[in-house]
Amino acid sequence: MTIGAEIAVTRMAGPEDLMAQEAAYLAALPQTSTYEIDGDILWLRDASGAALAQYMAE
């Protein structure tokens, strides 16, 4: 799985803590090498298997 570093996002400013969270999230996405689906959870993982992001189905 490959997610490029050139991710298109809106450049709207928001609360500083949320902007930092967004920056960390966008920096992690290009590190993604694999994904895993475990029940209702989608995991994005790097090449070493470390979790980068987790999504839960609602």
PDB file of N, CA and C in Angstrom:
ATOM      1  N   MET A   1       0.850  -1.160   0.000  1.00  0.00           N
ATOM      2  CA  MET A   1       0.000   0.000   0.000  1.00  0.00           C
ATOM      3  C   MET A   1       0.897   1.225   0.000  1.00  0.00           C
ATOM      4  N   THR A   2       0.561   2.213  -0.843  1.00  0.00           N
ATOM      5  CA  THR A   2       1.343   3.441  -0.897  1.00  0.00           C
ATOM      6  C   THR A   2       0.422   4.647  -0.846  1.00  0.00           C
ATOM      7  N   ILE A   3       0.719   5.542   0.055  1.00  0.00           N
ATOM      8  CA  ILE A   3       0.030   6.830   0.133  1.00  0.00           C
ATOM      9  C   ILE A   3       1.114   7.877  -0.040  1.00  0.00           C
ATOM     10  N   GLY A   4       1.015   8.677  -1.085  1.00  0.00           N
ATOM     11  CA  GLY A   4       2.038   9.667  -1.373  1.00  0.00           C
ATOM     12  C   GLY A   4       2.063  10.812  -0.382  1.00  0.00           C
ATOM     13  N   ALA A   5       3.183  11.505  -0.328  1.00  0.00           N
ATOM     14  CA  ALA A   5       3.345  12.641   0.581  1.00  0.00           C
ATOM     15  C   ALA A   5       2.587  13.871   0.103  1.00  0.00           C
ATOM     16  N   GLU A   6       2.214  13.895  -1.163  1.00  0.00           N
ATOM     17  CA  GLU A   6       1.504  15.040  -1.740  1.00  0.00           C
ATOM     18  C   GLU A   6       0.001  14.893  -1.522  1.00  0.00           C
ATOM     19  N   ILE A   7      -0.441  14.976  -0.272  1.00  0.00           N
ATOM     20  CA  ILE A   7      -1.848  14.814   0.077  1.00  0.00           C
ATOM     21  C   ILE A   7      -2.536  16.168  -0.024  1.00  0.00           C
ATOM     22  N   ALA A   8      -3.642  16.222  -0.765  1.00  0.00           N
ATOM     23  CA  ALA A   8      -4.379  17.476  -0.923  1.00  0.00           C
ATOM     24  C   ALA A   8      -5.309  17.683   0.268  1.00  0.00           C
ATOM     25  N   VAL A   9      -5.170  18.834   0.907  1.00  0.00           N
ATOM     26  CA  VAL A   9      -6.033  19.201   2.033  1.00  0.00           C
ATOM     27  C   VAL A   9      -6.371  20.675   1.917  1.00  0.00           C
ATOM     28  N   THR A  10      -7.451  21.058   2.578  1.00  0.00           N
ATOM     29  CA  THR A  10      -7.747  22.486   2.653  1.00  0.00           C
ATOM     30  C   THR A  10      -6.762  23.111   3.627  1.00  0.00           C
ATOM     31  N   ARG A  11      -6.435  24.339   3.419  1.00  0.00           N
ATOM     32  CA  ARG A  11      -5.472  25.028   4.283  1.00  0.00           C
ATOM     33  C   ARG A  11      -6.181  25.997   5.228  1.00  0.00           C
ATOM     34  N   MET A  12      -7.331  25.581   5.720  1.00  0.00           N
ATOM     35  CA  MET A  12      -8.082  26.420   6.644  1.00  0.00           C
ATOM     36  C   MET A  12      -7.496  26.263   8.044  1.00  0.00           C
ATOM     37  N   ALA A  13      -7.286  27.370   8.710  1.00  0.00           N
ATOM     38  CA  ALA A  13      -6.749  27.342  10.067  1.00  0.00           C
ATOM     39  C   ALA A  13      -7.847  26.974  11.052  1.00  0.00           C
ATOM     40  N   GLY A  14      -7.437  26.364  12.128  1.00  0.00           N
ATOM     41  CA  GLY A  14      -8.358  25.985  13.184  1.00  0.00           C
ATOM     42  C   GLY A  14      -7.651  26.105  14.515  1.00  0.00           C
ATOM     43  N   PRO A  15      -8.257  25.540  15.557  1.00  0.00           N
ATOM     44  CA  PRO A  15      -7.610  25.563  16.866  1.00  0.00           C
ATOM     45  C   PRO A  15      -6.224  24.912  16.789  1.00  0.00           C
ATOM     46  N   GLU A  16      -5.274  25.497  17.495  1.00  0.00           N
ATOM     47  CA  GLU A  16      -3.881  25.064  17.410  1.00  0.00           C
ATOM     48  C   GLU A  16      -3.697  23.578  17.719  1.00  0.00           C
ATOM     49  N   ASP A  17      -4.409  23.063  18.718  1.00  0.00           N
ATOM     50  CA  ASP A  17      -4.253  21.649  19.066  1.00  0.00           C
ATOM     51  C   ASP A  17      -4.751  20.741  17.949  1.00  0.00           C
ATOM     52  N   LEU A  18      -5.829  21.142  17.282  1.00  0.00           N
ATOM     53  CA  LEU A  18      -6.339  20.337  16.167  1.00  0.00           C
ATOM     54  C   LEU A  18      -5.439  20.438  14.946  1.00  0.00           C
ATOM     55  N   MET A  19      -4.828  21.591  14.746  1.00  0.00           N
ATOM     56  CA  MET A  19      -3.899  21.748  13.626  1.00  0.00           C
ATOM     57  C   MET A  19      -2.669  20.856  13.833  1.00  0.00           C
ATOM     58  N   ALA A  20      -2.195  20.749  15.068  1.00  0.00           N
ATOM     59  CA  ALA A  20      -1.057  19.874  15.370  1.00  0.00           C
ATOM     60  C   ALA A  20      -1.439  18.413  15.156  1.00  0.00           C
ATOM     61  N   GLN A  21      -2.664  18.058  15.547  1.00  0.00           N
ATOM     62  CA  GLN A  21      -3.151  16.687  15.351  1.00  0.00           C
ATOM     63  C   GLN A  21      -3.236  16.374  13.860  1.00  0.00           C
ATOM     64  N   GLU A  22      -3.745  17.319  13.075  1.00  0.00           N
ATOM     65  CA  GLU A  22      -3.840  17.126  11.632  1.00  0.00           C
ATOM     66  C   GLU A  22      -2.454  16.965  11.010  1.00  0.00           C
ATOM     67  N   ALA A  23      -1.510  17.786  11.425  1.00  0.00           N
ATOM     68  CA  ALA A  23      -0.150  17.708  10.877  1.00  0.00           C
ATOM     69  C   ALA A  23       0.480  16.348  11.169  1.00  0.00           C
ATOM     70  N   ALA A  24       0.294  15.848  12.384  1.00  0.00           N
ATOM     71  CA  ALA A  24       0.841  14.538  12.745  1.00  0.00           C
ATOM     72  C   ALA A  24       0.189  13.435  11.920  1.00  0.00           C
ATOM     73  N   TYR A  25      -1.114  13.529  11.731  1.00  0.00           N
ATOM     74  CA  TYR A  25      -1.856  12.540  10.944  1.00  0.00           C
ATOM     75  C   TYR A  25      -1.372  12.537   9.493  1.00  0.00           C
ATOM     76  N   LEU A  26      -1.251  13.723   8.900  1.00  0.00           N
ATOM     77  CA  LEU A  26      -0.815  13.816   7.506  1.00  0.00           C
ATOM     78  C   LEU A  26       0.633  13.356   7.335  1.00  0.00           C
ATOM     79  N   ALA A  27       1.458  13.545   8.346  1.00  0.00           N
ATOM     80  CA  ALA A  27       2.842  13.069   8.287  1.00  0.00           C
ATOM     81  C   ALA A  27       2.898  11.548   8.389  1.00  0.00           C
ATOM     82  N   ALA A  28       1.962  10.950   9.119  1.00  0.00           N
ATOM     83  CA  ALA A  28       1.953   9.497   9.303  1.00  0.00           C
ATOM     84  C   ALA A  28       1.456   8.752   8.066  1.00  0.00           C
ATOM     85  N   LEU A  29       0.522   9.326   7.335  1.00  0.00           N
ATOM     86  CA  LEU A  29      -0.075   8.609   6.204  1.00  0.00           C
ATOM     87  C   LEU A  29       0.942   8.101   5.183  1.00  0.00           C
ATOM     88  N   PRO A  30       1.917   8.916   4.752  1.00  0.00           N
ATOM     89  CA  PRO A  30       2.888   8.396   3.777  1.00  0.00           C
ATOM     90  C   PRO A  30       3.777   7.281   4.333  1.00  0.00           C
ATOM     91  N   GLN A  31       3.796   7.099   5.653  1.00  0.00           N
ATOM     92  CA  GLN A  31       4.583   6.038   6.282  1.00  0.00           C
ATOM     93  C   GLN A  31       3.880   4.682   6.182  1.00  0.00           C
ATOM     94  N   THR A  32       2.606   4.695   5.766  1.00  0.00           N
ATOM     95  CA  THR A  32       1.799   3.479   5.726  1.00  0.00           C
ATOM     96  C   THR A  32       2.322   2.489   4.688  1.00  0.00           C
ATOM     97  N   SER A  33       2.538   1.258   5.135  1.00  0.00           N
ATOM     98  CA  SER A  33       2.977   0.181   4.244  1.00  0.00           C
ATOM     99  C   SER A  33       1.915  -0.890   4.088  1.00  0.00           C
ATOM    100  N   THR A  34       1.174  -1.151   5.164  1.00  0.00           N
ATOM    101  CA  THR A  34       0.171  -2.206   5.142  1.00  0.00           C
ATOM    102  C   THR A  34      -1.070  -1.759   5.895  1.00  0.00           C
ATOM    103  N   TYR A  35      -2.137  -2.514   5.700  1.00  0.00           N
ATOM    104  CA  TYR A  35      -3.339  -2.287   6.487  1.00  0.00           C
ATOM    105  C   TYR A  35      -3.838  -3.628   6.990  1.00  0.00           C
ATOM    106  N   GLU A  36      -4.645  -3.578   8.032  1.00  0.00           N
ATOM    107  CA  GLU A  36      -5.215  -4.783   8.622  1.00  0.00           C
ATOM    108  C   GLU A  36      -6.648  -4.462   9.024  1.00  0.00           C
ATOM    109  N   ILE A  37      -7.561  -5.370   8.722  1.00  0.00           N
ATOM    110  CA  ILE A  37      -8.944  -5.231   9.157  1.00  0.00           C
ATOM    111  C   ILE A  37      -9.179  -6.281  10.229  1.00  0.00           C
ATOM    112  N   ASP A  38      -9.567  -5.817  11.402  1.00  0.00           N
ATOM    113  CA  ASP A  38      -9.815  -6.693  12.548  1.00  0.00           C
ATOM    114  C   ASP A  38     -11.218  -6.390  13.060  1.00  0.00           C
ATOM    115  N   GLY A  39     -12.194  -7.154  12.585  1.00  0.00           N
ATOM    116  CA  GLY A  39     -13.586  -6.876  12.955  1.00  0.00           C
ATOM    117  C   GLY A  39     -14.027  -5.548  12.379  1.00  0.00           C
ATOM    118  N   ASP A  40     -14.393  -4.619  13.252  1.00  0.00           N
ATOM    119  CA  ASP A  40     -14.840  -3.289  12.836  1.00  0.00           C
ATOM    120  C   ASP A  40     -13.713  -2.266  12.823  1.00  0.00           C
ATOM    121  N   ILE A  41     -12.471  -2.717  12.944  1.00  0.00           N
ATOM    122  CA  ILE A  41     -11.342  -1.791  13.042  1.00  0.00           C
ATOM    123  C   ILE A  41     -10.423  -1.958  11.836  1.00  0.00           C
ATOM    124  N   LEU A  42     -10.066  -0.839  11.221  1.00  0.00           N
ATOM    125  CA  LEU A  42      -9.074  -0.784  10.146  1.00  0.00           C
ATOM    126  C   LEU A  42      -7.810  -0.174  10.734  1.00  0.00           C
ATOM    127  N   TRP A  43      -6.710  -0.895  10.634  1.00  0.00           N
ATOM    128  CA  TRP A  43      -5.416  -0.411  11.111  1.00  0.00           C
ATOM    129  C   TRP A  43      -4.537  -0.069   9.921  1.00  0.00           C
ATOM    130  N   LEU A  44      -3.847   1.062   9.974  1.00  0.00           N
ATOM    131  CA  LEU A  44      -2.792   1.391   9.023  1.00  0.00           C
ATOM    132  C   LEU A  44      -1.481   1.188   9.762  1.00  0.00           C
ATOM    133  N   ARG A  45      -0.534   0.475   9.125  1.00  0.00           N
ATOM    134  CA  ARG A  45       0.724   0.125   9.790  1.00  0.00           C
ATOM    135  C   ARG A  45       1.924   0.500   8.927  1.00  0.00           C
ATOM    136  N   ASP A  46       3.050   0.776   9.591  1.00  0.00           N
ATOM    137  CA  ASP A  46       4.283   1.065   8.865  1.00  0.00           C
ATOM    138  C   ASP A  46       4.995  -0.243   8.520  1.00  0.00           C
ATOM    139  N   ALA A  47       6.166  -0.151   7.912  1.00  0.00           N
ATOM    140  CA  ALA A  47       6.891  -1.336   7.441  1.00  0.00           C
ATOM    141  C   ALA A  47       7.281  -2.285   8.571  1.00  0.00           C
ATOM    142  N   SER A  48       7.437  -1.764   9.785  1.00  0.00           N
ATOM    143  CA  SER A  48       7.796  -2.628  10.918  1.00  0.00           C
ATOM    144  C   SER A  48       6.574  -3.228  11.603  1.00  0.00           C
ATOM    145  N   GLY A  49       5.377  -2.828  11.153  1.00  0.00           N
ATOM    146  CA  GLY A  49       4.149  -3.338  11.748  1.00  0.00           C
ATOM    147  C   GLY A  49       3.562  -2.458  12.828  1.00  0.00           C
ATOM    148  N   ALA A  50       4.226  -1.346  13.120  1.00  0.00           N
ATOM    149  CA  ALA A  50       3.717  -0.426  14.143  1.00  0.00           C
ATOM    150  C   ALA A  50       2.459   0.278  13.635  1.00  0.00           C
ATOM    151  N   ALA A  51       1.488   0.430  14.514  1.00  0.00           N
ATOM    152  CA  ALA A  51       0.228   1.086  14.151  1.00  0.00           C
ATOM    153  C   ALA A  51       0.443   2.581  13.956  1.00  0.00           C
ATOM    154  N   LEU A  52      -0.080   3.094  12.848  1.00  0.00           N
ATOM    155  CA  LEU A  52      -0.024   4.524  12.564  1.00  0.00           C
ATOM    156  C   LEU A  52      -1.380   5.190  12.766  1.00  0.00           C
ATOM    157  N   ALA A  53      -2.442   4.471  12.423  1.00  0.00           N
ATOM    158  CA  ALA A  53      -3.796   5.018  12.546  1.00  0.00           C
ATOM    159  C   ALA A  53      -4.770   3.867  12.719  1.00  0.00           C
ATOM    160  N   GLN A  54      -5.879   4.189  13.346  1.00  0.00           N
ATOM    161  CA  GLN A  54      -6.928   3.204  13.601  1.00  0.00           C
ATOM    162  C   GLN A  54      -8.266   3.861  13.281  1.00  0.00           C
ATOM    163  N   TYR A  55      -9.100   3.140  12.559  1.00  0.00           N
ATOM    164  CA  TYR A  55     -10.438   3.619  12.211  1.00  0.00           C
ATOM    165  C   TYR A  55     -11.449   2.587  12.686  1.00  0.00           C
ATOM    166  N   MET A  56     -12.510   3.050  13.331  1.00  0.00           N
ATOM    167  CA  MET A  56     -13.566   2.146  13.802  1.00  0.00           C
ATOM    168  C   MET A  56     -14.839   2.400  13.012  1.00  0.00           C
ATOM    169  N   ALA A  57     -15.449   1.336  12.520  1.00  0.00           N
ATOM    170  CA  ALA A  57     -16.729   1.447  11.822  1.00  0.00           C
ATOM    171  C   ALA A  57     -17.820   1.742  12.845  1.00  0.00           C
ATOM    172  N   GLU A  58     -18.744   2.570  12.444  1.00  0.00           N
ATOM    173  CA  GLU A  58     -19.879   2.877  13.325  1.00  0.00           C
ATOM    174  C   GLU A  58     -21.144   2.315  12.761  1.00  0.00           C
TER     175      GLU A  58
END
